[in-house]
């Protein structure tokens, strides 16, 4: 599909993912250096929060493009399929919390 909702923000998303990758490497370094466990947990929480923000941005793009396109198409089967897909994605995201 050529019109995924996140494409307009693709470069920013990639940049954020690279920063998160650096955060995770920093967490690994903290474990190697035997840093205080609460400090490590704090950094894990920060990385998780950053990933959640990306997930929400992707979800927003999915609703604004894929789901909206299916709903506007008038194709009831496509609209139901995308709506079901959206609910399943939200459920997966919520379970991970």
PDB file of N, CA and C in Angstrom:
ATOM      1  N   UNK A   1       0.851  -1.190   0.000  1.00  0.00           N
ATOM      2  CA  UNK A   1       0.000   0.000   0.000  1.00  0.00           C
ATOM      3  C   UNK A   1       0.882   1.233   0.000  1.00  0.00           C
ATOM      4  N   UNK A   2       0.605   2.174  -0.866  1.00  0.00           N
ATOM      5  CA  UNK A   2       1.474   3.337  -1.040  1.00  0.00           C
ATOM      6  C   UNK A   2       1.177   4.464  -0.065  1.00  0.00           C
ATOM      7  N   UNK A   3       0.074   4.420   0.659  1.00  0.00           N
ATOM      8  CA  UNK A   3      -0.301   5.566   1.471  1.00  0.00           C
ATOM      9  C   UNK A   3      -0.374   5.310   2.954  1.00  0.00           C
ATOM     10  N   UNK A   4       0.531   4.553   3.519  1.00  0.00           N
ATOM     11  CA  UNK A   4       0.509   4.325   4.958  1.00  0.00           C
ATOM     12  C   UNK A   4       0.575   5.650   5.697  1.00  0.00           C
ATOM     13  N   UNK A   5      -0.164   5.737   6.790  1.00  0.00           N
ATOM     14  CA  UNK A   5      -0.311   6.993   7.510  1.00  0.00           C
ATOM     15  C   UNK A   5       0.946   7.533   8.149  1.00  0.00           C
ATOM     16  N   UNK A   6       1.924   6.705   8.385  1.00  0.00           N
ATOM     17  CA  UNK A   6       3.138   7.179   9.052  1.00  0.00           C
ATOM     18  C   UNK A   6       4.174   7.743   8.088  1.00  0.00           C
ATOM     19  N   UNK A   7       3.949   7.594   6.787  1.00  0.00           N
ATOM     20  CA  UNK A   7       4.990   7.963   5.815  1.00  0.00           C
ATOM     21  C   UNK A   7       5.393   9.423   5.885  1.00  0.00           C
ATOM     22  N   UNK A   8       4.451  10.301   6.194  1.00  0.00           N
ATOM     23  CA  UNK A   8       4.793  11.723   6.289  1.00  0.00           C
ATOM     24  C   UNK A   8       5.779  11.980   7.434  1.00  0.00           C
ATOM     25  N   UNK A   9       5.750  11.134   8.448  1.00  0.00           N
ATOM     26  CA  UNK A   9       6.628  11.287   9.609  1.00  0.00           C
ATOM     27  C   UNK A   9       7.736  10.246   9.650  1.00  0.00           C
ATOM     28  N   UNK A  10       7.957   9.566   8.548  1.00  0.00           N
ATOM     29  CA  UNK A  10       8.886   8.438   8.507  1.00  0.00           C
ATOM     30  C   UNK A  10      10.282   8.797   9.030  1.00  0.00           C
ATOM     31  N   UNK A  11      10.847   9.886   8.565  1.00  0.00           N
ATOM     32  CA  UNK A  11      12.208  10.250   8.978  1.00  0.00           C
ATOM     33  C   UNK A  11      12.266  10.569  10.464  1.00  0.00           C
ATOM     34  N   UNK A  12      11.256  11.270  10.980  1.00  0.00           N
ATOM     35  CA  UNK A  12      11.214  11.574  12.416  1.00  0.00           C
ATOM     36  C   UNK A  12      11.077  10.282  13.230  1.00  0.00           C
ATOM     37  N   UNK A  13      10.254   9.371  12.753  1.00  0.00           N
ATOM     38  CA  UNK A  13      10.095   8.092  13.448  1.00  0.00           C
ATOM     39  C   UNK A  13      11.406   7.308  13.463  1.00  0.00           C
ATOM     40  N   UNK A  14      12.092   7.296  12.346  1.00  0.00           N
ATOM     41  CA  UNK A  14      13.380   6.602  12.275  1.00  0.00           C
ATOM     42  C   UNK A  14      14.374   7.228  13.254  1.00  0.00           C
ATOM     43  N   UNK A  15      14.394   8.551  13.298  1.00  0.00           N
ATOM     44  CA  UNK A  15      15.277   9.238  14.246  1.00  0.00           C
ATOM     45  C   UNK A  15      14.958   8.876  15.685  1.00  0.00           C
ATOM     46  N   UNK A  16      13.668   8.826  16.016  1.00  0.00           N
ATOM     47  CA  UNK A  16      13.271   8.458  17.370  1.00  0.00           C
ATOM     48  C   UNK A  16      13.671   7.013  17.667  1.00  0.00           C
ATOM     49  N   UNK A  17      13.499   6.128  16.704  1.00  0.00           N
ATOM     50  CA  UNK A  17      13.893   4.729  16.897  1.00  0.00           C
ATOM     51  C   UNK A  17      15.398   4.607  17.132  1.00  0.00           C
ATOM     52  N   UNK A  18      16.173   5.401  16.434  1.00  0.00           N
ATOM     53  CA  UNK A  18      17.627   5.368  16.640  1.00  0.00           C
ATOM     54  C   UNK A  18      17.981   5.849  18.046  1.00  0.00           C
ATOM     55  N   UNK A  19      17.268   6.880  18.530  1.00  0.00           N
ATOM     56  CA  UNK A  19      17.533   7.356  19.890  1.00  0.00           C
ATOM     57  C   UNK A  19      17.162   6.279  20.916  1.00  0.00           C
ATOM     58  N   UNK A  20      16.057   5.593  20.676  1.00  0.00           N
ATOM     59  CA  UNK A  20      15.649   4.516  21.582  1.00  0.00           C
ATOM     60  C   UNK A  20      16.675   3.384  21.551  1.00  0.00           C
ATOM     61  N   UNK A  21      17.171   3.092  20.371  1.00  0.00           N
ATOM     62  CA  UNK A  21      18.216   2.068  20.250  1.00  0.00           C
ATOM     63  C   UNK A  21      19.415   2.447  21.115  1.00  0.00           C
ATOM     64  N   UNK A  22      19.780   3.715  21.098  1.00  0.00           N
ATOM     65  CA  UNK A  22      20.873   4.197  21.950  1.00  0.00           C
ATOM     66  C   UNK A  22      20.534   4.056  23.427  1.00  0.00           C
ATOM     67  N   UNK A  23      19.279   4.344  23.782  1.00  0.00           N
ATOM     68  CA  UNK A  23      18.850   4.172  25.173  1.00  0.00           C
ATOM     69  C   UNK A  23      19.019   2.718  25.604  1.00  0.00           C
ATOM     70  N   UNK A  24      18.610   1.795  24.751  1.00  0.00           N
ATOM     71  CA  UNK A  24      18.690   0.375  25.094  1.00  0.00           C
ATOM     72  C   UNK A  24      20.148  -0.054  25.230  1.00  0.00           C
ATOM     73  N   UNK A  25      21.007   0.447  24.355  1.00  0.00           N
ATOM     74  CA  UNK A  25      22.434   0.138  24.499  1.00  0.00           C
ATOM     75  C   UNK A  25      22.960   0.687  25.825  1.00  0.00           C
ATOM     76  N   UNK A  26      22.472   1.858  26.209  1.00  0.00           N
ATOM     77  CA  UNK A  26      22.862   2.434  27.499  1.00  0.00           C
ATOM     78  C   UNK A  26      22.403   1.581  28.668  1.00  0.00           C
ATOM     79  N   UNK A  27      21.219   1.008  28.553  1.00  0.00           N
ATOM     80  CA  UNK A  27      20.720   0.111  29.595  1.00  0.00           C
ATOM     81  C   UNK A  27      21.616  -1.120  29.695  1.00  0.00           C
ATOM     82  N   UNK A  28      21.984  -1.655  28.551  1.00  0.00           N
ATOM     83  CA  UNK A  28      22.888  -2.809  28.554  1.00  0.00           C
ATOM     84  C   UNK A  28      24.195  -2.455  29.266  1.00  0.00           C
ATOM     85  N   UNK A  29      24.722  -1.269  28.954  1.00  0.00           N
ATOM     86  CA  UNK A  29      25.969  -0.825  29.588  1.00  0.00           C
ATOM     87  C   UNK A  29      25.801  -0.738  31.112  1.00  0.00           C
ATOM     88  N   UNK A  30      24.635  -0.259  31.537  1.00  0.00           N
ATOM     89  CA  UNK A  30      24.367  -0.152  32.976  1.00  0.00           C
ATOM     90  C   UNK A  30      24.402  -1.529  33.641  1.00  0.00           C
ATOM     91  N   UNK A  31      23.843  -2.520  32.969  1.00  0.00           N
ATOM     92  CA  UNK A  31      23.864  -3.886  33.516  1.00  0.00           C
ATOM     93  C   UNK A  31      25.305  -4.401  33.562  1.00  0.00           C
ATOM     94  N   UNK A  32      26.051  -4.205  32.480  1.00  0.00           N
ATOM     95  CA  UNK A  32      27.452  -4.649  32.430  1.00  0.00           C
ATOM     96  C   UNK A  32      28.246  -3.995  33.569  1.00  0.00           C
ATOM     97  N   UNK A  33      27.972  -2.723  33.809  1.00  0.00           N
ATOM     98  CA  UNK A  33      28.688  -1.970  34.851  1.00  0.00           C
ATOM     99  C   UNK A  33      28.124  -2.212  36.257  1.00  0.00           C
ATOM    100  N   UNK A  34      27.099  -3.072  36.340  1.00  0.00           N
ATOM    101  CA  UNK A  34      26.475  -3.418  37.611  1.00  0.00           C
ATOM    102  C   UNK A  34      25.949  -2.192  38.347  1.00  0.00           C
ATOM    103  N   UNK A  35      25.245  -1.356  37.615  1.00  0.00           N
ATOM    104  CA  UNK A  35      24.649  -0.145  38.195  1.00  0.00           C
ATOM    105  C   UNK A  35      23.463  -0.507  39.080  1.00  0.00           C
ATOM    106  N   UNK A  36      23.024   0.439  39.861  1.00  0.00           N
ATOM    107  CA  UNK A  36      21.921   0.246  40.803  1.00  0.00           C
ATOM    108  C   UNK A  36      20.649  -0.140  40.057  1.00  0.00           C
ATOM    109  N   UNK A  37      19.965  -1.173  40.569  1.00  0.00           N
ATOM    110  CA  UNK A  37      18.810  -1.746  39.864  1.00  0.00           C
ATOM    111  C   UNK A  37      17.703  -0.723  39.605  1.00  0.00           C
ATOM    112  N   UNK A  38      17.422   0.155  40.549  1.00  0.00           N
ATOM    113  CA  UNK A  38      16.354   1.138  40.351  1.00  0.00           C
ATOM    114  C   UNK A  38      16.722   2.109  39.235  1.00  0.00           C
ATOM    115  N   UNK A  39      17.979   2.450  39.114  1.00  0.00           N
ATOM    116  CA  UNK A  39      18.405   3.324  38.016  1.00  0.00           C
ATOM    117  C   UNK A  39      18.195   2.642  36.665  1.00  0.00           C
ATOM    118  N   UNK A  40      18.463   1.352  36.609  1.00  0.00           N
ATOM    119  CA  UNK A  40      18.245   0.594  35.367  1.00  0.00           C
ATOM    120  C   UNK A  40      16.756   0.543  35.055  1.00  0.00           C
ATOM    121  N   UNK A  41      15.943   0.258  36.062  1.00  0.00           N
ATOM    122  CA  UNK A  41      14.498   0.221  35.861  1.00  0.00           C
ATOM    123  C   UNK A  41      13.960   1.562  35.377  1.00  0.00           C
ATOM    124  N   UNK A  42      14.512   2.647  35.872  1.00  0.00           N
ATOM    125  CA  UNK A  42      14.104   3.984  35.430  1.00  0.00           C
ATOM    126  C   UNK A  42      14.382   4.168  33.950  1.00  0.00           C
ATOM    127  N   UNK A  43      15.537   3.702  33.506  1.00  0.00           N
ATOM    128  CA  UNK A  43      15.888   3.827  32.095  1.00  0.00           C
ATOM    129  C   UNK A  43      15.026   2.912  31.222  1.00  0.00           C
ATOM    130  N   UNK A  44      14.699   1.728  31.722  1.00  0.00           N
ATOM    131  CA  UNK A  44      13.803   0.832  30.983  1.00  0.00           C
ATOM    132  C   UNK A  44      12.439   1.481  30.832  1.00  0.00           C
ATOM    133  N   UNK A  45      11.959   2.116  31.883  1.00  0.00           N
ATOM    134  CA  UNK A  45      10.675   2.807  31.821  1.00  0.00           C
ATOM    135  C   UNK A  45      10.700   3.928  30.782  1.00  0.00           C
ATOM    136  N   UNK A  46      11.796   4.667  30.729  1.00  0.00           N
ATOM    137  CA  UNK A  46      11.919   5.750  29.747  1.00  0.00           C
ATOM    138  C   UNK A  46      11.911   5.202  28.323  1.00  0.00           C
ATOM    139  N   UNK A  47      12.611   4.096  28.089  1.00  0.00           N
ATOM    140  CA  UNK A  47      12.636   3.491  26.749  1.00  0.00           C
ATOM    141  C   UNK A  47      11.258   2.958  26.373  1.00  0.00           C
ATOM    142  N   UNK A  48      10.577   2.358  27.326  1.00  0.00           N
ATOM    143  CA  UNK A  48       9.232   1.841  27.078  1.00  0.00           C
ATOM    144  C   UNK A  48       8.272   2.978  26.742  1.00  0.00           C
ATOM    145  N   UNK A  49       8.365   4.071  27.469  1.00  0.00           N
ATOM    146  CA  UNK A  49       7.527   5.241  27.203  1.00  0.00           C
ATOM    147  C   UNK A  49       7.790   5.787  25.802  1.00  0.00           C
ATOM    148  N   UNK A  50       9.044   5.813  25.413  1.00  0.00           N
ATOM    149  CA  UNK A  50       9.399   6.297  24.076  1.00  0.00           C
ATOM    150  C   UNK A  50       8.831   5.378  22.993  1.00  0.00           C
ATOM    151  N   UNK A  51       8.915   4.070  23.204  1.00  0.00           N
ATOM    152  CA  UNK A  51       8.336   3.124  22.239  1.00  0.00           C
ATOM    153  C   UNK A  51       6.815   3.259  22.191  1.00  0.00           C
ATOM    154  N   UNK A  52       6.196   3.479  23.331  1.00  0.00           N
ATOM    155  CA  UNK A  52       4.745   3.684  23.363  1.00  0.00           C
ATOM    156  C   UNK A  52       4.346   4.901  22.531  1.00  0.00           C
ATOM    157  N   UNK A  53       5.122   5.959  22.621  1.00  0.00           N
ATOM    158  CA  UNK A  53       4.824   7.168  21.844  1.00  0.00           C
ATOM    159  C   UNK A  53       4.889   6.880  20.345  1.00  0.00           C
ATOM    160  N   UNK A  54       5.851   6.091  19.930  1.00  0.00           N
ATOM    161  CA  UNK A  54       5.950   5.711  18.513  1.00  0.00           C
ATOM    162  C   UNK A  54       4.760   4.847  18.126  1.00  0.00           C
ATOM    163  N   UNK A  55       4.407   3.909  18.978  1.00  0.00           N
ATOM    164  CA  UNK A  55       3.257   3.045  18.689  1.00  0.00           C
ATOM    165  C   UNK A  55       1.990   3.870  18.525  1.00  0.00           C
ATOM    166  N   UNK A  56       1.784   4.844  19.386  1.00  0.00           N
ATOM    167  CA  UNK A  56       0.591   5.686  19.273  1.00  0.00           C
ATOM    168  C   UNK A  56       0.607   6.516  17.996  1.00  0.00           C
ATOM    169  N   UNK A  57       1.771   6.980  17.608  1.00  0.00           N
ATOM    170  CA  UNK A  57       1.889   7.739  16.348  1.00  0.00           C
ATOM    171  C   UNK A  57       1.541   6.838  15.163  1.00  0.00           C
ATOM    172  N   UNK A  58       2.032   5.605  15.173  1.00  0.00           N
ATOM    173  CA  UNK A  58       1.711   4.662  14.104  1.00  0.00           C
ATOM    174  C   UNK A  58       0.219   4.325  14.097  1.00  0.00           C
ATOM    175  N   UNK A  59      -0.349   4.154  15.272  1.00  0.00           N
ATOM    176  CA  UNK A  59      -1.773   3.872  15.374  1.00  0.00           C
ATOM    177  C   UNK A  59      -2.604   5.034  14.830  1.00  0.00           C
ATOM    178  N   UNK A  60      -2.203   6.233  15.175  1.00  0.00           N
ATOM    179  CA  UNK A  60      -2.882   7.427  14.655  1.00  0.00           C
ATOM    180  C   UNK A  60      -2.823   7.466  13.129  1.00  0.00           C
ATOM    181  N   UNK A  61      -1.668   7.160  12.580  1.00  0.00           N
ATOM    182  CA  UNK A  61      -1.519   7.132  11.132  1.00  0.00           C
ATOM    183  C   UNK A  61      -2.362   6.042  10.494  1.00  0.00           C
ATOM    184  N   UNK A  62      -2.459   4.901  11.158  1.00  0.00           N
ATOM    185  CA  UNK A  62      -3.266   3.801  10.637  1.00  0.00           C
ATOM    186  C   UNK A  62      -4.744   4.192  10.580  1.00  0.00           C
ATOM    187  N   UNK A  63      -5.216   4.823  11.645  1.00  0.00           N
ATOM    188  CA  UNK A  63      -6.618   5.255  11.675  1.00  0.00           C
ATOM    189  C   UNK A  63      -6.864   6.314  10.608  1.00  0.00           C
ATOM    190  N   UNK A  64      -5.940   7.264  10.494  1.00  0.00           N
ATOM    191  CA  UNK A  64      -6.114   8.374   9.562  1.00  0.00           C
ATOM    192  C   UNK A  64      -5.974   8.005   8.102  1.00  0.00           C
ATOM    193  N   UNK A  65      -5.348   6.878   7.822  1.00  0.00           N
ATOM    194  CA  UNK A  65      -5.176   6.504   6.414  1.00  0.00           C
ATOM    195  C   UNK A  65      -5.868   5.188   6.096  1.00  0.00           C
ATOM    196  N   UNK A  66      -5.353   4.111   6.614  1.00  0.00           N
ATOM    197  CA  UNK A  66      -5.864   2.783   6.250  1.00  0.00           C
ATOM    198  C   UNK A  66      -7.327   2.605   6.637  1.00  0.00           C
ATOM    199  N   UNK A  67      -7.651   2.904   7.877  1.00  0.00           N
ATOM    200  CA  UNK A  67      -9.026   2.718   8.340  1.00  0.00           C
ATOM    201  C   UNK A  67      -9.947   3.727   7.675  1.00  0.00           C
ATOM    202  N   UNK A  68      -9.533   4.991   7.632  1.00  0.00           N
ATOM    203  CA  UNK A  68     -10.367   6.022   7.020  1.00  0.00           C
ATOM    204  C   UNK A  68     -10.641   5.727   5.549  1.00  0.00           C
ATOM    205  N   UNK A  69      -9.639   5.268   4.836  1.00  0.00           N
ATOM    206  CA  UNK A  69      -9.805   4.928   3.423  1.00  0.00           C
ATOM    207  C   UNK A  69     -10.802   3.790   3.252  1.00  0.00           C
ATOM    208  N   UNK A  70     -10.699   2.776   4.100  1.00  0.00           N
ATOM    209  CA  UNK A  70     -11.624   1.645   4.017  1.00  0.00           C
ATOM    210  C   UNK A  70     -13.053   2.081   4.330  1.00  0.00           C
ATOM    211  N   UNK A  71     -13.213   2.933   5.329  1.00  0.00           N
ATOM    212  CA  UNK A  71     -14.549   3.403   5.683  1.00  0.00           C
ATOM    213  C   UNK A  71     -15.142   4.272   4.576  1.00  0.00           C
ATOM    214  N   UNK A  72     -14.316   5.108   3.970  1.00  0.00           N
ATOM    215  CA  UNK A  72     -14.799   6.019   2.924  1.00  0.00           C
ATOM    216  C   UNK A  72     -15.049   5.309   1.600  1.00  0.00           C
ATOM    217  N   UNK A  73     -14.503   4.119   1.443  1.00  0.00           N
ATOM    218  CA  UNK A  73     -14.616   3.418   0.165  1.00  0.00           C
ATOM    219  C   UNK A  73     -16.035   2.954  -0.148  1.00  0.00           C
ATOM    220  N   UNK A  74     -16.848   2.822   0.889  1.00  0.00           N
ATOM    221  CA  UNK A  74     -18.183   2.291   0.675  1.00  0.00           C
ATOM    222  C   UNK A  74     -18.215   0.777   0.623  1.00  0.00           C
ATOM    223  N   UNK A  75     -17.070   0.150   0.676  1.00  0.00           N
ATOM    224  CA  UNK A  75     -16.959  -1.308   0.673  1.00  0.00           C
ATOM    225  C   UNK A  75     -17.132  -1.794   2.111  1.00  0.00           C
ATOM    226  N   UNK A  76     -18.310  -2.330   2.398  1.00  0.00           N
ATOM    227  CA  UNK A  76     -18.632  -2.716   3.768  1.00  0.00           C
ATOM    228  C   UNK A  76     -17.680  -3.785   4.301  1.00  0.00           C
ATOM    229  N   UNK A  77     -17.319  -4.741   3.466  1.00  0.00           N
ATOM    230  CA  UNK A  77     -16.408  -5.808   3.904  1.00  0.00           C
ATOM    231  C   UNK A  77     -15.034  -5.236   4.252  1.00  0.00           C
ATOM    232  N   UNK A  78     -14.536  -4.319   3.428  1.00  0.00           N
ATOM    233  CA  UNK A  78     -13.231  -3.701   3.697  1.00  0.00           C
ATOM    234  C   UNK A  78     -13.290  -2.868   4.971  1.00  0.00           C
ATOM    235  N   UNK A  79     -14.377  -2.134   5.155  1.00  0.00           N
ATOM    236  CA  UNK A  79     -14.540  -1.309   6.350  1.00  0.00           C
ATOM    237  C   UNK A  79     -14.574  -2.179   7.605  1.00  0.00           C
ATOM    238  N   UNK A  80     -15.305  -3.280   7.553  1.00  0.00           N
ATOM    239  CA  UNK A  80     -15.367  -4.186   8.701  1.00  0.00           C
ATOM    240  C   UNK A  80     -14.010  -4.813   8.983  1.00  0.00           C
ATOM    241  N   UNK A  81     -13.307  -5.190   7.928  1.00  0.00           N
ATOM    242  CA  UNK A  81     -11.988  -5.812   8.099  1.00  0.00           C
ATOM    243  C   UNK A  81     -11.004  -4.841   8.749  1.00  0.00           C
ATOM    244  N   UNK A  82     -10.975  -3.605   8.264  1.00  0.00           N
ATOM    245  CA  UNK A  82     -10.045  -2.612   8.833  1.00  0.00           C
ATOM    246  C   UNK A  82     -10.448  -2.238  10.249  1.00  0.00           C
ATOM    247  N   UNK A  83     -11.747  -2.165  10.514  1.00  0.00           N
ATOM    248  CA  UNK A  83     -12.211  -1.871  11.869  1.00  0.00           C
ATOM    249  C   UNK A  83     -11.808  -2.980  12.818  1.00  0.00           C
ATOM    250  N   UNK A  84     -11.965  -4.218  12.403  1.00  0.00           N
ATOM    251  CA  UNK A  84     -11.571  -5.373  13.218  1.00  0.00           C
ATOM    252  C   UNK A  84     -10.051  -5.359  13.444  1.00  0.00           C
ATOM    253  N   UNK A  85      -9.314  -5.075  12.386  1.00  0.00           N
ATOM    254  CA  UNK A  85      -7.855  -4.991  12.491  1.00  0.00           C
ATOM    255  C   UNK A  85      -7.441  -3.921  13.503  1.00  0.00           C
ATOM    256  N   UNK A  86      -8.132  -2.777  13.474  1.00  0.00           N
ATOM    257  CA  UNK A  86      -7.836  -1.687  14.403  1.00  0.00           C
ATOM    258  C   UNK A  86      -8.093  -2.111  15.846  1.00  0.00           C
ATOM    259  N   UNK A  87      -9.226  -2.730  16.089  1.00  0.00           N
ATOM    260  CA  UNK A  87      -9.554  -3.180  17.442  1.00  0.00           C
ATOM    261  C   UNK A  87      -8.508  -4.189  17.924  1.00  0.00           C
ATOM    262  N   UNK A  88      -8.109  -5.105  17.066  1.00  0.00           N
ATOM    263  CA  UNK A  88      -7.090  -6.094  17.445  1.00  0.00           C
ATOM    264  C   UNK A  88      -5.751  -5.427  17.754  1.00  0.00           C
ATOM    265  N   UNK A  89      -5.394  -4.418  16.993  1.00  0.00           N
ATOM    266  CA  UNK A  89      -4.138  -3.707  17.244  1.00  0.00           C
ATOM    267  C   UNK A  89      -4.194  -2.984  18.590  1.00  0.00           C
ATOM    268  N   UNK A  90      -5.311  -2.353  18.884  1.00  0.00           N
ATOM    269  CA  UNK A  90      -5.466  -1.655  20.168  1.00  0.00           C
ATOM    270  C   UNK A  90      -5.440  -2.661  21.316  1.00  0.00           C
ATOM    271  N   UNK A  91      -6.084  -3.800  21.138  1.00  0.00           N
ATOM    272  CA  UNK A  91      -6.063  -4.835  22.174  1.00  0.00           C
ATOM    273  C   UNK A  91      -4.645  -5.315  22.446  1.00  0.00           C
ATOM    274  N   UNK A  92      -3.863  -5.548  21.390  1.00  0.00           N
ATOM    275  CA  UNK A  92      -2.463  -5.982  21.566  1.00  0.00           C
ATOM    276  C   UNK A  92      -1.676  -4.929  22.316  1.00  0.00           C
ATOM    277  N   UNK A  93      -1.876  -3.675  21.938  1.00  0.00           N
ATOM    278  CA  UNK A  93      -1.162  -2.572  22.573  1.00  0.00           C
ATOM    279  C   UNK A  93      -1.557  -2.479  24.052  1.00  0.00           C
ATOM    280  N   UNK A  94      -2.843  -2.607  24.337  1.00  0.00           N
ATOM    281  CA  UNK A  94      -3.321  -2.504  25.718  1.00  0.00           C
ATOM    282  C   UNK A  94      -2.825  -3.682  26.573  1.00  0.00           C
ATOM    283  N   UNK A  95      -2.797  -4.867  26.012  1.00  0.00           N
ATOM    284  CA  UNK A  95      -2.310  -6.048  26.764  1.00  0.00           C
ATOM    285  C   UNK A  95      -0.849  -5.911  27.139  1.00  0.00           C
ATOM    286  N   UNK A  96      -0.097  -5.248  26.293  1.00  0.00           N
ATOM    287  CA  UNK A  96       1.337  -5.080  26.549  1.00  0.00           C
ATOM    288  C   UNK A  96       1.598  -4.112  27.706  1.00  0.00           C
ATOM    289  N   UNK A  97       0.581  -3.424  28.126  1.00  0.00           N
ATOM    290  CA  UNK A  97       0.742  -2.473  29.224  1.00  0.00           C
ATOM    291  C   UNK A  97       0.522  -3.206  30.488  1.00  0.00           C
TER     292      UNK A  97
END
